[in-house]
Amino acid sequence: VWHYYGRIMAAKNANISTSAATLS
């Protein structure tokens, strides 16, 4: 799952909403 976790964190750092990052 760590590749997914890394993408969520990177998306959040780019001002992507948590829900959108997780859903993606």
PDB file of all heavy atoms in Angstrom:
ATOM      1  N   VAL A   1       0.817  -1.218   0.000  1.00  0.00           N
ATOM      2  CA  VAL A   1       0.000   0.000   0.000  1.00  0.00           C
ATOM      3  C   VAL A   1       0.847   1.263   0.000  1.00  0.00           C
ATOM      4  O   VAL A   1       0.312   2.369  -0.149  1.00  0.00           O
ATOM      5  CB  VAL A   1      -0.951   0.055   1.224  1.00  0.00           C
ATOM      6  CG1 VAL A   1      -1.943  -1.089   1.194  1.00  0.00           C
ATOM      7  CG2 VAL A   1      -0.161   0.049   2.523  1.00  0.00           C
ATOM      8  N   TRP A   2       2.163   1.127   0.135  1.00  0.00           N
ATOM      9  CA  TRP A   2       2.988   2.318   0.365  1.00  0.00           C
ATOM     10  C   TRP A   2       3.130   3.195  -0.866  1.00  0.00           C
ATOM     11  O   TRP A   2       3.362   4.406  -0.735  1.00  0.00           O
ATOM     12  CB  TRP A   2       4.351   1.892   0.910  1.00  0.00           C
ATOM     13  CG  TRP A   2       4.196   1.197   2.231  1.00  0.00           C
ATOM     14  CD1 TRP A   2       4.343  -0.133   2.496  1.00  0.00           C
ATOM     15  CD2 TRP A   2       3.784   1.801   3.467  1.00  0.00           C
ATOM     16  NE1 TRP A   2       4.066  -0.406   3.814  1.00  0.00           N
ATOM     17  CE2 TRP A   2       3.722   0.769   4.432  1.00  0.00           C
ATOM     18  CE3 TRP A   2       3.468   3.102   3.858  1.00  0.00           C
ATOM     19  CZ2 TRP A   2       3.360   1.004   5.758  1.00  0.00           C
ATOM     20  CZ3 TRP A   2       3.112   3.327   5.174  1.00  0.00           C
ATOM     21  CH2 TRP A   2       3.057   2.291   6.104  1.00  0.00           C
ATOM     22  N   HIS A   3       2.985   2.625  -2.057  1.00  0.00           N
ATOM     23  CA  HIS A   3       2.996   3.468  -3.256  1.00  0.00           C
ATOM     24  C   HIS A   3       1.736   4.333  -3.296  1.00  0.00           C
ATOM     25  O   HIS A   3       1.792   5.498  -3.707  1.00  0.00           O
ATOM     26  CB  HIS A   3       3.133   2.637  -4.528  1.00  0.00           C
ATOM     27  CG  HIS A   3       2.171   1.506  -4.667  1.00  0.00           C
ATOM     28  ND1 HIS A   3       1.907   0.604  -3.658  1.00  0.00           N
ATOM     29  CD2 HIS A   3       1.395   1.110  -5.721  1.00  0.00           C
ATOM     30  CE1 HIS A   3       1.028  -0.288  -4.074  1.00  0.00           C
ATOM     31  NE2 HIS A   3       0.693   0.002  -5.317  1.00  0.00           N
ATOM     32  N   TYR A   4       0.605   3.779  -2.827  1.00  0.00           N
ATOM     33  CA  TYR A   4      -0.619   4.577  -2.752  1.00  0.00           C
ATOM     34  C   TYR A   4      -0.487   5.677  -1.697  1.00  0.00           C
ATOM     35  O   TYR A   4      -0.870   6.831  -1.931  1.00  0.00           O
ATOM     36  CB  TYR A   4      -1.814   3.686  -2.409  1.00  0.00           C
ATOM     37  CG  TYR A   4      -2.089   2.592  -3.411  1.00  0.00           C
ATOM     38  CD1 TYR A   4      -2.270   1.273  -2.997  1.00  0.00           C
ATOM     39  CD2 TYR A   4      -2.188   2.878  -4.765  1.00  0.00           C
ATOM     40  CE1 TYR A   4      -2.532   0.265  -3.915  1.00  0.00           C
ATOM     41  CE2 TYR A   4      -2.451   1.872  -5.682  1.00  0.00           C
ATOM     42  CZ  TYR A   4      -2.613   0.569  -5.249  1.00  0.00           C
ATOM     43  OH  TYR A   4      -2.873  -0.421  -6.165  1.00  0.00           O
ATOM     44  N   TYR A   5       0.066   5.317  -0.561  1.00  0.00           N
ATOM     45  CA  TYR A   5       0.248   6.303   0.518  1.00  0.00           C
ATOM     46  C   TYR A   5       1.153   7.447   0.057  1.00  0.00           C
ATOM     47  O   TYR A   5       0.864   8.617   0.315  1.00  0.00           O
ATOM     48  CB  TYR A   5       0.836   5.606   1.745  1.00  0.00           C
ATOM     49  CG  TYR A   5       1.097   6.537   2.909  1.00  0.00           C
ATOM     50  CD1 TYR A   5       0.045   7.045   3.662  1.00  0.00           C
ATOM     51  CD2 TYR A   5       2.395   6.909   3.247  1.00  0.00           C
ATOM     52  CE1 TYR A   5       0.278   7.898   4.732  1.00  0.00           C
ATOM     53  CE2 TYR A   5       2.637   7.767   4.305  1.00  0.00           C
ATOM     54  CZ  TYR A   5       1.577   8.255   5.053  1.00  0.00           C
ATOM     55  OH  TYR A   5       1.812   9.102   6.103  1.00  0.00           O
ATOM     56  N   GLY A   6       2.246   7.105  -0.644  1.00  0.00           N
ATOM     57  CA  GLY A   6       3.143   8.141  -1.138  1.00  0.00           C
ATOM     58  C   GLY A   6       2.466   9.079  -2.127  1.00  0.00           C
ATOM     59  O   GLY A   6       2.707  10.297  -2.114  1.00  0.00           O
ATOM     60  N   ARG A   7       1.593   8.548  -2.958  1.00  0.00           N
ATOM     61  CA  ARG A   7       0.884   9.384  -3.932  1.00  0.00           C
ATOM     62  C   ARG A   7      -0.132  10.291  -3.247  1.00  0.00           C
ATOM     63  O   ARG A   7      -0.314  11.449  -3.632  1.00  0.00           O
ATOM     64  CB  ARG A   7       0.200   8.499  -4.977  1.00  0.00           C
ATOM     65  CG  ARG A   7       1.183   7.839  -5.919  1.00  0.00           C
ATOM     66  CD  ARG A   7       0.571   6.713  -6.720  1.00  0.00           C
ATOM     67  NE  ARG A   7       1.628   5.896  -7.306  1.00  0.00           N
ATOM     68  CZ  ARG A   7       1.435   4.695  -7.844  1.00  0.00           C
ATOM     69  NH1 ARG A   7       0.212   4.172  -7.877  1.00  0.00           N
ATOM     70  NH2 ARG A   7       2.443   4.025  -8.354  1.00  0.00           N
ATOM     71  N   ILE A   8      -0.806   9.762  -2.223  1.00  0.00           N
ATOM     72  CA  ILE A   8      -1.755  10.599  -1.485  1.00  0.00           C
ATOM     73  C   ILE A   8      -1.035  11.756  -0.813  1.00  0.00           C
ATOM     74  O   ILE A   8      -1.474  12.908  -0.879  1.00  0.00           O
ATOM     75  CB  ILE A   8      -2.522   9.750  -0.448  1.00  0.00           C
ATOM     76  CG1 ILE A   8      -3.459   8.772  -1.137  1.00  0.00           C
ATOM     77  CG2 ILE A   8      -3.318  10.659   0.500  1.00  0.00           C
ATOM     78  CD1 ILE A   8      -4.135   7.788  -0.186  1.00  0.00           C
ATOM     79  N   MET A   9       0.099  11.475  -0.173  1.00  0.00           N
ATOM     80  CA  MET A   9       0.857  12.530   0.506  1.00  0.00           C
ATOM     81  C   MET A   9       1.368  13.572  -0.489  1.00  0.00           C
ATOM     82  O   MET A   9       1.309  14.774  -0.228  1.00  0.00           O
ATOM     83  CB  MET A   9       2.031  11.916   1.271  1.00  0.00           C
ATOM     84  CG  MET A   9       1.634  11.047   2.462  1.00  0.00           C
ATOM     85  SD  MET A   9       0.738  11.982   3.744  1.00  0.00           S
ATOM     86  CE  MET A   9      -0.954  11.477   3.411  1.00  0.00           C
ATOM     87  N   ALA A  10       1.868  13.106  -1.646  1.00  0.00           N
ATOM     88  CA  ALA A  10       2.373  14.045  -2.657  1.00  0.00           C
ATOM     89  C   ALA A  10       1.235  14.895  -3.218  1.00  0.00           C
ATOM     90  O   ALA A  10       1.412  16.108  -3.455  1.00  0.00           O
ATOM     91  CB  ALA A  10       3.053  13.271  -3.783  1.00  0.00           C
ATOM     92  N   ALA A  11       0.071  14.286  -3.421  1.00  0.00           N
ATOM     93  CA  ALA A  11      -1.071  15.049  -3.928  1.00  0.00           C
ATOM     94  C   ALA A  11      -1.540  16.086  -2.911  1.00  0.00           C
ATOM     95  O   ALA A  11      -1.856  17.228  -3.272  1.00  0.00           O
ATOM     96  CB  ALA A  11      -2.210  14.090  -4.278  1.00  0.00           C
ATOM     97  N   LYS A  12      -1.574  15.696  -1.644  1.00  0.00           N
ATOM     98  CA  LYS A  12      -1.975  16.649  -0.598  1.00  0.00           C
ATOM     99  C   LYS A  12      -0.983  17.812  -0.521  1.00  0.00           C
ATOM    100  O   LYS A  12      -1.379  18.964  -0.331  1.00  0.00           O
ATOM    101  CB  LYS A  12      -2.059  15.939   0.748  1.00  0.00           C
ATOM    102  CG  LYS A  12      -3.265  15.005   0.876  1.00  0.00           C
ATOM    103  CD  LYS A  12      -3.237  14.222   2.171  1.00  0.00           C
ATOM    104  CE  LYS A  12      -3.357  15.132   3.375  1.00  0.00           C
ATOM    105  NZ  LYS A  12      -3.390  14.360   4.637  1.00  0.00           N
ATOM    106  N   ASN A  13       0.312  17.530  -0.684  1.00  0.00           N
ATOM    107  CA  ASN A  13       1.326  18.596  -0.670  1.00  0.00           C
ATOM    108  C   ASN A  13       1.186  19.534  -1.858  1.00  0.00           C
ATOM    109  O   ASN A  13       1.686  20.663  -1.823  1.00  0.00           O
ATOM    110  CB  ASN A  13       2.729  17.996  -0.652  1.00  0.00           C
ATOM    111  CG  ASN A  13       3.047  17.289   0.653  1.00  0.00           C
ATOM    112  OD1 ASN A  13       2.458  17.599   1.692  1.00  0.00           O
ATOM    113  ND2 ASN A  13       3.968  16.337   0.611  1.00  0.00           N
ATOM    114  N   ALA A  14       0.511  19.052  -2.919  1.00  0.00           N
ATOM    115  CA  ALA A  14       0.261  19.885  -4.092  1.00  0.00           C
ATOM    116  C   ALA A  14      -1.119  20.528  -4.028  1.00  0.00           C
ATOM    117  O   ALA A  14      -1.664  20.949  -5.056  1.00  0.00           O
ATOM    118  CB  ALA A  14       0.393  19.046  -5.360  1.00  0.00           C
ATOM    119  N   ASN A  15      -1.683  20.593  -2.828  1.00  0.00           N
ATOM    120  CA  ASN A  15      -2.974  21.248  -2.579  1.00  0.00           C
ATOM    121  C   ASN A  15      -4.160  20.526  -3.209  1.00  0.00           C
ATOM    122  O   ASN A  15      -5.183  21.150  -3.520  1.00  0.00           O
ATOM    123  CB  ASN A  15      -2.947  22.713  -3.059  1.00  0.00           C
ATOM    124  CG  ASN A  15      -1.926  23.542  -2.306  1.00  0.00           C
ATOM    125  OD1 ASN A  15      -1.783  23.410  -1.087  1.00  0.00           O
ATOM    126  ND2 ASN A  15      -1.201  24.389  -3.034  1.00  0.00           N
ATOM    127  N   ILE A  16      -4.013  19.222  -3.384  1.00  0.00           N
ATOM    128  CA  ILE A  16      -5.144  18.397  -3.800  1.00  0.00           C
ATOM    129  C   ILE A  16      -5.906  17.996  -2.537  1.00  0.00           C
ATOM    130  O   ILE A  16      -5.311  17.667  -1.511  1.00  0.00           O
ATOM    131  CB  ILE A  16      -4.669  17.137  -4.540  1.00  0.00           C
ATOM    132  CG1 ILE A  16      -3.862  17.522  -5.789  1.00  0.00           C
ATOM    133  CG2 ILE A  16      -5.836  16.233  -4.901  1.00  0.00           C
ATOM    134  CD1 ILE A  16      -4.633  18.242  -6.841  1.00  0.00           C
ATOM    135  N   SER A  17      -7.218  18.033  -2.597  1.00  0.00           N
ATOM    136  CA  SER A  17      -8.016  17.693  -1.424  1.00  0.00           C
ATOM    137  C   SER A  17      -7.778  16.241  -1.014  1.00  0.00           C
ATOM    138  O   SER A  17      -7.482  15.385  -1.844  1.00  0.00           O
ATOM    139  CB  SER A  17      -9.504  17.911  -1.706  1.00  0.00           C
ATOM    140  OG  SER A  17      -9.991  16.956  -2.631  1.00  0.00           O
ATOM    141  N   THR A  18      -7.905  15.985   0.282  1.00  0.00           N
ATOM    142  CA  THR A  18      -7.675  14.634   0.796  1.00  0.00           C
ATOM    143  C   THR A  18      -8.616  13.623   0.156  1.00  0.00           C
ATOM    144  O   THR A  18      -8.212  12.510  -0.208  1.00  0.00           O
ATOM    145  CB  THR A  18      -7.861  14.608   2.323  1.00  0.00           C
ATOM    146  OG1 THR A  18      -6.950  15.531   2.917  1.00  0.00           O
ATOM    147  CG2 THR A  18      -7.612  13.218   2.881  1.00  0.00           C
ATOM    148  N   SER A  19      -9.877  14.005   0.007  1.00  0.00           N
ATOM    149  CA  SER A  19     -10.853  13.075  -0.566  1.00  0.00           C
ATOM    150  C   SER A  19     -10.524  12.749  -2.013  1.00  0.00           C
ATOM    151  O   SER A  19     -10.592  11.587  -2.436  1.00  0.00           O
ATOM    152  CB  SER A  19     -12.266  13.654  -0.467  1.00  0.00           C
ATOM    153  OG  SER A  19     -12.346  14.888  -1.142  1.00  0.00           O
ATOM    154  N   ALA A  20     -10.124  13.762  -2.794  1.00  0.00           N
ATOM    155  CA  ALA A  20      -9.789  13.526  -4.200  1.00  0.00           C
ATOM    156  C   ALA A  20      -8.525  12.697  -4.331  1.00  0.00           C
ATOM    157  O   ALA A  20      -8.449  11.788  -5.171  1.00  0.00           O
ATOM    158  CB  ALA A  20      -9.627  14.856  -4.931  1.00  0.00           C
ATOM    159  N   ALA A  21      -7.512  12.982  -3.514  1.00  0.00           N
ATOM    160  CA  ALA A  21      -6.265  12.213  -3.558  1.00  0.00           C
ATOM    161  C   ALA A  21      -6.521  10.751  -3.210  1.00  0.00           C
ATOM    162  O   ALA A  21      -6.032   9.837  -3.882  1.00  0.00           O
ATOM    163  CB  ALA A  21      -5.244  12.826  -2.601  1.00  0.00           C
ATOM    164  N   THR A  22      -7.302  10.530  -2.158  1.00  0.00           N
ATOM    165  CA  THR A  22      -7.604   9.164  -1.734  1.00  0.00           C
ATOM    166  C   THR A  22      -8.430   8.435  -2.782  1.00  0.00           C
ATOM    167  O   THR A  22      -8.154   7.273  -3.117  1.00  0.00           O
ATOM    168  CB  THR A  22      -8.362   9.178  -0.395  1.00  0.00           C
ATOM    169  OG1 THR A  22      -7.600   9.892   0.573  1.00  0.00           O
ATOM    170  CG2 THR A  22      -8.611   7.766   0.105  1.00  0.00           C
ATOM    171  N   LEU A  23      -9.441   9.110  -3.293  1.00  0.00           N
ATOM    172  CA  LEU A  23     -10.302   8.495  -4.294  1.00  0.00           C
ATOM    173  C   LEU A  23      -9.515   8.134  -5.551  1.00  0.00           C
ATOM    174  O   LEU A  23      -9.714   7.066  -6.141  1.00  0.00           O
ATOM    175  CB  LEU A  23     -11.455   9.437  -4.646  1.00  0.00           C
ATOM    176  CG  LEU A  23     -12.453   8.952  -5.711  1.00  0.00           C
ATOM    177  CD1 LEU A  23     -13.035   7.608  -5.312  1.00  0.00           C
ATOM    178  CD2 LEU A  23     -13.553   9.988  -5.901  1.00  0.00           C
ATOM    179  N   SER A  24      -8.570   8.984  -5.940  1.00  0.00           N
ATOM    180  CA  SER A  24      -7.815   8.734  -7.168  1.00  0.00           C
ATOM    181  C   SER A  24      -6.970   7.471  -7.066  1.00  0.00           C
ATOM    182  O   SER A  24      -6.895   6.689  -8.020  1.00  0.00           O
ATOM    183  CB  SER A  24      -6.921   9.939  -7.500  1.00  0.00           C
ATOM    184  OG  SER A  24      -5.852  10.071  -6.573  1.00  0.00           O
TER     185      SER A  24
END
